[in-house]
């Protein structure tokens, strides 16, 4: 069974365009997307177009963890929608929408992950909150 939606909000002190671009630029995204404190990013591929795919593999000790998906919507600089899966841990493919709203000199990001199995909901929420916080640090 899946939960209705996992929603995480975060304020950034940088313009919406910079946040949008960070999620689609391979080198920048690899600094915050799907990273853990002690992991090593060993694969980072981004084909940033509707229908394009992404794949990030992080080496975590002796195991490699792949995060992958397909871009469904790209509306620069306000919205990114993609599928998301971590095949090592689940066969579930969920959908992530990142909505970016300018707020003064910065922006507000609302990330909505739909189709998350209920047993992964809290960990998913914590994971996305950490990703957004790391993105802010990378962009600062």
N, C-alpha and C. Protein backbone atom coordinates (compact mmCIF):
# COMPACT_ATOMS: atom_id res chain seq x y z
N UNK A 1 0.85 -1.18 0.00
CA UNK A 1 0.00 0.00 0.00
C UNK A 1 0.89 1.24 0.00
N UNK A 2 0.49 2.26 -0.76
CA UNK A 2 1.28 3.50 -0.80
C UNK A 2 0.55 4.60 -0.02
N UNK A 3 1.34 5.56 0.44
CA UNK A 3 0.80 6.72 1.14
C UNK A 3 0.33 7.71 0.08
N UNK A 4 -0.56 8.66 0.45
CA UNK A 4 -1.04 9.62 -0.55
C UNK A 4 0.10 10.35 -1.25
N UNK A 5 0.95 11.04 -0.53
CA UNK A 5 2.10 11.76 -1.08
C UNK A 5 3.08 12.03 0.04
N UNK A 6 4.35 12.04 -0.29
CA UNK A 6 5.38 12.51 0.62
C UNK A 6 5.74 13.90 0.12
N UNK A 7 5.56 14.91 0.98
CA UNK A 7 5.79 16.30 0.57
C UNK A 7 6.84 16.93 1.47
N UNK A 8 7.83 17.56 0.84
CA UNK A 8 8.90 18.25 1.56
C UNK A 8 9.03 19.64 0.95
N UNK A 9 9.11 20.66 1.82
CA UNK A 9 9.28 22.03 1.36
C UNK A 9 10.62 22.57 1.86
N UNK A 10 11.22 23.46 1.07
CA UNK A 10 12.51 24.04 1.47
C UNK A 10 12.65 25.42 0.82
N UNK A 11 13.14 26.37 1.59
CA UNK A 11 13.43 27.71 1.08
C UNK A 11 14.90 27.79 0.67
N UNK A 12 15.15 28.36 -0.49
CA UNK A 12 16.50 28.57 -0.99
C UNK A 12 16.78 30.07 -1.08
N UNK A 13 18.01 30.46 -0.81
CA UNK A 13 18.41 31.87 -0.89
C UNK A 13 18.98 32.22 -2.26
N UNK A 14 18.78 31.34 -3.22
CA UNK A 14 19.24 31.59 -4.59
C UNK A 14 18.03 31.58 -5.53
N UNK A 15 18.17 32.20 -6.71
CA UNK A 15 17.04 32.27 -7.64
C UNK A 15 16.55 30.91 -8.13
N UNK A 16 15.30 30.87 -8.53
CA UNK A 16 14.67 29.65 -9.03
C UNK A 16 15.46 29.01 -10.16
N UNK A 17 16.00 29.82 -11.05
CA UNK A 17 16.76 29.30 -12.19
C UNK A 17 17.96 28.47 -11.73
N UNK A 18 18.64 28.91 -10.70
CA UNK A 18 19.82 28.18 -10.20
C UNK A 18 19.41 26.84 -9.59
N UNK A 19 18.30 26.83 -8.87
CA UNK A 19 17.83 25.58 -8.27
C UNK A 19 17.41 24.61 -9.38
N UNK A 20 16.63 25.09 -10.32
CA UNK A 20 16.18 24.26 -11.44
C UNK A 20 17.38 23.65 -12.15
N UNK A 21 18.34 24.50 -12.53
CA UNK A 21 19.51 24.03 -13.26
C UNK A 21 20.32 23.02 -12.46
N UNK A 22 20.39 23.19 -11.14
CA UNK A 22 21.18 22.29 -10.30
C UNK A 22 20.67 20.85 -10.38
N UNK A 23 19.36 20.67 -10.50
CA UNK A 23 18.80 19.32 -10.57
C UNK A 23 19.07 18.65 -11.91
N UNK A 24 19.39 19.43 -12.93
CA UNK A 24 19.56 18.86 -14.27
C UNK A 24 20.99 18.87 -14.77
N UNK A 25 21.88 19.56 -14.07
CA UNK A 25 23.29 19.59 -14.43
C UNK A 25 23.98 18.41 -13.75
N UNK A 26 24.57 17.54 -14.55
CA UNK A 26 25.14 16.30 -14.02
C UNK A 26 26.12 16.55 -12.89
N UNK A 27 27.09 17.43 -13.09
CA UNK A 27 28.14 17.65 -12.09
C UNK A 27 27.57 18.23 -10.80
N UNK A 28 26.65 19.17 -10.92
CA UNK A 28 26.07 19.79 -9.72
C UNK A 28 25.16 18.80 -9.00
N UNK A 29 24.28 18.14 -9.73
CA UNK A 29 23.34 17.20 -9.12
C UNK A 29 24.09 16.09 -8.39
N UNK A 30 25.21 15.66 -8.92
CA UNK A 30 25.97 14.57 -8.30
C UNK A 30 26.54 14.97 -6.93
N UNK A 31 26.57 16.26 -6.64
CA UNK A 31 27.06 16.73 -5.35
C UNK A 31 26.01 16.63 -4.24
N UNK A 32 24.73 16.51 -4.61
CA UNK A 32 23.70 16.47 -3.57
C UNK A 32 22.62 15.42 -3.78
N UNK A 33 22.37 15.02 -4.99
CA UNK A 33 21.26 14.13 -5.30
C UNK A 33 21.64 12.68 -4.99
N UNK A 34 20.90 12.05 -4.07
CA UNK A 34 21.08 10.64 -3.70
C UNK A 34 22.43 10.35 -3.05
N UNK A 35 23.04 11.35 -2.45
CA UNK A 35 24.33 11.18 -1.78
C UNK A 35 24.14 10.88 -0.30
N UNK A 36 25.05 10.09 0.23
CA UNK A 36 25.11 9.88 1.67
C UNK A 36 26.46 10.43 2.15
N UNK A 37 26.59 10.69 3.45
CA UNK A 37 27.82 11.31 3.94
C UNK A 37 29.11 10.56 3.61
N UNK A 38 29.07 9.23 3.60
CA UNK A 38 30.30 8.47 3.38
C UNK A 38 30.35 7.74 2.05
N UNK A 39 29.37 7.98 1.18
CA UNK A 39 29.34 7.28 -0.10
C UNK A 39 30.21 7.95 -1.14
N UNK A 40 30.46 7.22 -2.22
CA UNK A 40 31.23 7.74 -3.35
C UNK A 40 30.37 7.60 -4.61
N UNK A 41 30.12 8.71 -5.29
CA UNK A 41 29.31 8.68 -6.51
C UNK A 41 30.17 8.11 -7.63
N UNK A 42 29.79 6.91 -8.12
CA UNK A 42 30.59 6.23 -9.14
C UNK A 42 29.95 6.29 -10.53
N UNK A 43 28.69 6.68 -10.59
CA UNK A 43 28.03 6.86 -11.89
C UNK A 43 27.08 8.03 -11.78
N UNK A 44 27.14 8.90 -12.78
CA UNK A 44 26.24 10.05 -12.81
C UNK A 44 25.93 10.37 -14.27
N UNK A 45 24.73 10.05 -14.68
CA UNK A 45 24.29 10.27 -16.06
C UNK A 45 22.98 11.02 -16.03
N UNK A 46 22.90 12.12 -16.77
CA UNK A 46 21.67 12.89 -16.87
C UNK A 46 21.43 13.24 -18.34
N UNK A 47 20.28 12.83 -18.85
CA UNK A 47 19.83 13.22 -20.19
C UNK A 47 18.61 14.10 -19.96
N UNK A 48 18.85 15.39 -19.73
CA UNK A 48 17.83 16.33 -19.25
C UNK A 48 16.91 16.81 -20.38
N UNK A 49 16.00 15.94 -20.74
CA UNK A 49 14.94 16.26 -21.72
C UNK A 49 13.76 15.37 -21.40
N UNK A 50 12.57 15.81 -21.79
CA UNK A 50 11.39 14.97 -21.57
C UNK A 50 11.62 13.66 -22.33
N UNK A 51 11.47 12.56 -21.62
CA UNK A 51 11.75 11.24 -22.18
C UNK A 51 13.18 10.78 -21.92
N UNK A 52 14.04 11.71 -21.51
CA UNK A 52 15.41 11.36 -21.16
C UNK A 52 15.45 10.69 -19.80
N UNK A 53 16.55 10.05 -19.49
CA UNK A 53 16.68 9.34 -18.23
C UNK A 53 17.86 9.87 -17.42
N UNK A 54 17.88 9.46 -16.16
CA UNK A 54 19.03 9.76 -15.30
C UNK A 54 19.38 8.49 -14.55
N UNK A 55 20.64 8.41 -14.14
CA UNK A 55 21.11 7.30 -13.32
C UNK A 55 22.26 7.79 -12.45
N UNK A 56 22.11 7.61 -11.16
CA UNK A 56 23.17 7.93 -10.20
C UNK A 56 23.43 6.67 -9.39
N UNK A 57 24.68 6.24 -9.36
CA UNK A 57 25.06 5.09 -8.55
C UNK A 57 26.06 5.55 -7.52
N UNK A 58 25.74 5.28 -6.26
CA UNK A 58 26.64 5.62 -5.18
C UNK A 58 27.18 4.34 -4.56
N UNK A 59 28.49 4.31 -4.37
CA UNK A 59 29.12 3.18 -3.69
C UNK A 59 29.04 3.47 -2.20
N UNK A 60 28.38 2.58 -1.49
CA UNK A 60 28.18 2.69 -0.05
C UNK A 60 28.84 1.49 0.60
N UNK A 61 30.09 1.67 0.99
CA UNK A 61 30.85 0.54 1.51
C UNK A 61 31.11 -0.45 0.39
N UNK A 62 30.61 -1.67 0.56
CA UNK A 62 30.83 -2.72 -0.43
C UNK A 62 29.69 -2.86 -1.44
N UNK A 63 28.68 -1.99 -1.34
CA UNK A 63 27.55 -2.12 -2.27
C UNK A 63 27.35 -0.86 -3.10
N UNK A 64 26.86 -1.06 -4.32
CA UNK A 64 26.51 0.04 -5.20
C UNK A 64 25.00 0.18 -5.21
N UNK A 65 24.52 1.41 -5.04
CA UNK A 65 23.08 1.67 -5.00
C UNK A 65 22.74 2.59 -6.17
N UNK A 66 21.92 2.08 -7.09
CA UNK A 66 21.48 2.81 -8.26
C UNK A 66 20.17 3.52 -7.98
N UNK A 67 20.10 4.79 -8.36
CA UNK A 67 18.86 5.59 -8.34
C UNK A 67 18.62 5.98 -9.79
N UNK A 68 17.44 5.71 -10.31
CA UNK A 68 17.21 5.93 -11.73
C UNK A 68 15.79 6.40 -12.00
N UNK A 69 15.59 6.99 -13.16
CA UNK A 69 14.26 7.42 -13.55
C UNK A 69 14.25 8.08 -14.91
N UNK A 70 13.06 8.57 -15.27
CA UNK A 70 12.84 9.21 -16.56
C UNK A 70 12.18 10.57 -16.33
N UNK A 71 12.62 11.57 -17.09
CA UNK A 71 12.03 12.91 -16.99
C UNK A 71 10.69 12.94 -17.73
N UNK A 72 9.65 13.38 -17.03
CA UNK A 72 8.30 13.44 -17.60
C UNK A 72 7.89 14.85 -17.98
N UNK A 73 8.31 15.84 -17.18
CA UNK A 73 8.00 17.26 -17.44
C UNK A 73 9.21 18.10 -17.09
N UNK A 74 9.53 19.06 -17.95
CA UNK A 74 10.59 20.03 -17.66
C UNK A 74 10.08 21.39 -18.09
N UNK A 75 9.78 22.24 -17.12
CA UNK A 75 9.27 23.58 -17.37
C UNK A 75 10.20 24.57 -16.68
N UNK A 76 11.23 24.98 -17.39
CA UNK A 76 12.26 25.84 -16.83
C UNK A 76 11.70 27.22 -16.52
N UNK A 77 11.87 27.81 -15.36
CA UNK A 77 12.60 27.31 -14.19
C UNK A 77 11.68 26.87 -13.06
N UNK A 78 10.47 26.43 -13.37
CA UNK A 78 9.47 26.24 -12.32
C UNK A 78 9.10 24.81 -11.96
N UNK A 79 9.33 23.84 -12.84
CA UNK A 79 8.82 22.49 -12.54
C UNK A 79 9.66 21.42 -13.21
N UNK A 80 9.94 20.38 -12.43
CA UNK A 80 10.61 19.17 -12.92
C UNK A 80 9.80 17.99 -12.40
N UNK A 81 9.44 17.07 -13.28
CA UNK A 81 8.74 15.85 -12.87
C UNK A 81 9.48 14.67 -13.47
N UNK A 82 9.74 13.66 -12.63
CA UNK A 82 10.45 12.48 -13.09
C UNK A 82 10.00 11.24 -12.31
N UNK A 83 10.23 10.08 -12.92
CA UNK A 83 10.01 8.85 -12.19
C UNK A 83 11.25 8.60 -11.33
N UNK A 84 11.08 7.75 -10.32
CA UNK A 84 12.16 7.51 -9.36
C UNK A 84 12.10 6.06 -8.89
N UNK A 85 13.23 5.38 -8.97
CA UNK A 85 13.29 4.03 -8.41
C UNK A 85 14.69 3.74 -7.89
N UNK A 86 14.71 2.84 -6.92
CA UNK A 86 15.95 2.33 -6.34
C UNK A 86 15.82 0.80 -6.39
N UNK A 87 16.16 0.19 -7.54
CA UNK A 87 15.89 -1.23 -7.75
C UNK A 87 16.48 -2.16 -6.68
N UNK A 88 17.57 -1.77 -6.06
CA UNK A 88 18.20 -2.61 -5.04
C UNK A 88 17.27 -2.84 -3.85
N UNK A 89 16.41 -1.86 -3.56
CA UNK A 89 15.57 -1.94 -2.37
C UNK A 89 14.09 -2.17 -2.65
N UNK A 90 13.64 -1.86 -3.87
CA UNK A 90 12.21 -2.00 -4.15
C UNK A 90 11.97 -2.00 -5.66
N UNK A 91 10.94 -2.71 -6.08
CA UNK A 91 10.55 -2.69 -7.50
C UNK A 91 9.61 -1.51 -7.79
N UNK A 92 9.26 -0.75 -6.77
CA UNK A 92 8.35 0.39 -6.92
C UNK A 92 8.98 1.49 -7.76
N UNK A 93 8.19 2.04 -8.68
CA UNK A 93 8.58 3.23 -9.42
C UNK A 93 7.60 4.32 -9.01
N UNK A 94 8.10 5.35 -8.35
CA UNK A 94 7.25 6.45 -7.92
C UNK A 94 7.48 7.67 -8.81
N UNK A 95 6.73 8.72 -8.57
CA UNK A 95 6.85 9.95 -9.35
C UNK A 95 7.20 11.10 -8.41
N UNK A 96 8.16 11.92 -8.84
CA UNK A 96 8.60 13.07 -8.06
C UNK A 96 8.32 14.33 -8.86
N UNK A 97 7.65 15.29 -8.22
CA UNK A 97 7.43 16.61 -8.82
C UNK A 97 8.15 17.64 -7.96
N UNK A 98 8.97 18.46 -8.61
CA UNK A 98 9.66 19.55 -7.93
C UNK A 98 9.09 20.84 -8.48
N UNK A 99 8.38 21.58 -7.61
CA UNK A 99 7.80 22.86 -7.99
C UNK A 99 8.59 23.97 -7.33
N UNK A 100 9.01 24.94 -8.13
CA UNK A 100 9.89 26.01 -7.68
C UNK A 100 9.17 27.34 -7.88
N UNK A 101 9.00 28.08 -6.78
CA UNK A 101 8.28 29.37 -6.81
C UNK A 101 9.23 30.46 -6.34
N UNK A 102 9.47 31.48 -7.18
CA UNK A 102 10.32 32.59 -6.75
C UNK A 102 9.74 33.29 -5.52
N UNK A 103 10.61 33.63 -4.57
CA UNK A 103 10.24 34.34 -3.35
C UNK A 103 11.33 35.37 -3.08
N UNK A 104 11.11 36.61 -3.46
CA UNK A 104 12.13 37.64 -3.29
C UNK A 104 13.34 37.29 -4.13
N UNK A 105 14.53 37.30 -3.50
CA UNK A 105 15.75 36.96 -4.24
C UNK A 105 15.97 35.44 -4.28
N UNK A 106 15.19 34.70 -3.52
CA UNK A 106 15.33 33.25 -3.47
C UNK A 106 14.13 32.54 -4.07
N UNK A 107 13.85 31.35 -3.55
CA UNK A 107 12.71 30.60 -4.05
C UNK A 107 12.30 29.54 -3.02
N UNK A 108 11.08 29.08 -3.19
CA UNK A 108 10.54 28.01 -2.35
C UNK A 108 10.37 26.77 -3.22
N UNK A 109 10.86 25.66 -2.73
CA UNK A 109 10.74 24.40 -3.46
C UNK A 109 9.78 23.48 -2.69
N UNK A 110 8.82 22.95 -3.42
CA UNK A 110 7.94 21.92 -2.88
C UNK A 110 8.19 20.66 -3.68
N UNK A 111 8.67 19.63 -3.01
CA UNK A 111 8.94 18.36 -3.64
C UNK A 111 7.85 17.38 -3.21
N UNK A 112 7.17 16.79 -4.18
CA UNK A 112 6.10 15.84 -3.91
C UNK A 112 6.45 14.50 -4.54
N UNK A 113 6.58 13.48 -3.70
CA UNK A 113 6.88 12.13 -4.17
C UNK A 113 5.60 11.30 -4.03
N UNK A 114 5.01 10.92 -5.16
CA UNK A 114 3.77 10.15 -5.18
C UNK A 114 4.06 8.68 -5.45
N UNK A 115 3.24 7.82 -4.84
CA UNK A 115 3.37 6.39 -5.08
C UNK A 115 4.41 5.71 -4.21
N UNK A 116 4.73 6.31 -3.07
CA UNK A 116 5.72 5.73 -2.15
C UNK A 116 5.04 4.66 -1.30
N UNK A 117 5.62 3.46 -1.23
CA UNK A 117 5.04 2.44 -0.33
C UNK A 117 5.04 2.96 1.11
N UNK A 118 3.99 2.66 1.85
CA UNK A 118 3.83 3.21 3.20
C UNK A 118 5.02 2.88 4.09
N UNK A 119 5.62 1.71 3.92
CA UNK A 119 6.75 1.35 4.77
C UNK A 119 8.00 2.18 4.49
N UNK A 120 8.03 2.89 3.37
CA UNK A 120 9.18 3.74 3.02
C UNK A 120 8.88 5.22 3.20
N UNK A 121 7.69 5.59 3.62
CA UNK A 121 7.27 6.99 3.64
C UNK A 121 8.17 7.88 4.50
N UNK A 122 8.41 7.50 5.75
CA UNK A 122 9.20 8.37 6.62
C UNK A 122 10.65 8.46 6.16
N UNK A 123 11.20 7.34 5.77
CA UNK A 123 12.59 7.36 5.27
C UNK A 123 12.69 8.18 3.99
N UNK A 124 11.67 8.11 3.16
CA UNK A 124 11.64 8.89 1.92
C UNK A 124 11.58 10.38 2.25
N UNK A 125 10.73 10.76 3.20
CA UNK A 125 10.62 12.17 3.61
C UNK A 125 11.97 12.68 4.13
N UNK A 126 12.60 11.90 4.98
CA UNK A 126 13.91 12.29 5.52
C UNK A 126 14.96 12.39 4.42
N UNK A 127 14.91 11.46 3.48
CA UNK A 127 15.87 11.47 2.38
C UNK A 127 15.75 12.71 1.52
N UNK A 128 14.52 13.05 1.13
CA UNK A 128 14.32 14.24 0.30
C UNK A 128 14.66 15.52 1.07
N UNK A 129 14.33 15.57 2.35
CA UNK A 129 14.69 16.76 3.15
C UNK A 129 16.21 16.93 3.19
N UNK A 130 16.93 15.83 3.34
CA UNK A 130 18.39 15.90 3.33
C UNK A 130 18.94 16.32 1.98
N UNK A 131 18.35 15.82 0.91
CA UNK A 131 18.77 16.19 -0.44
C UNK A 131 18.59 17.68 -0.67
N UNK A 132 17.44 18.22 -0.27
CA UNK A 132 17.20 19.65 -0.47
C UNK A 132 18.15 20.49 0.39
N UNK A 133 18.42 20.05 1.60
CA UNK A 133 19.36 20.78 2.46
C UNK A 133 20.77 20.75 1.86
N UNK A 134 21.20 19.60 1.32
CA UNK A 134 22.51 19.52 0.68
C UNK A 134 22.55 20.37 -0.58
N UNK A 135 21.46 20.41 -1.33
CA UNK A 135 21.40 21.26 -2.53
C UNK A 135 21.62 22.72 -2.14
N UNK A 136 21.00 23.15 -1.06
CA UNK A 136 21.18 24.53 -0.61
C UNK A 136 22.65 24.80 -0.29
N UNK A 137 23.30 23.87 0.38
CA UNK A 137 24.71 24.04 0.71
C UNK A 137 25.55 24.12 -0.56
N UNK A 138 25.30 23.25 -1.51
CA UNK A 138 26.04 23.24 -2.78
C UNK A 138 25.85 24.56 -3.51
N UNK A 139 24.65 25.11 -3.49
CA UNK A 139 24.36 26.34 -4.24
C UNK A 139 24.73 27.61 -3.51
N UNK A 140 25.05 27.51 -2.22
CA UNK A 140 25.37 28.71 -1.43
C UNK A 140 26.69 29.33 -1.86
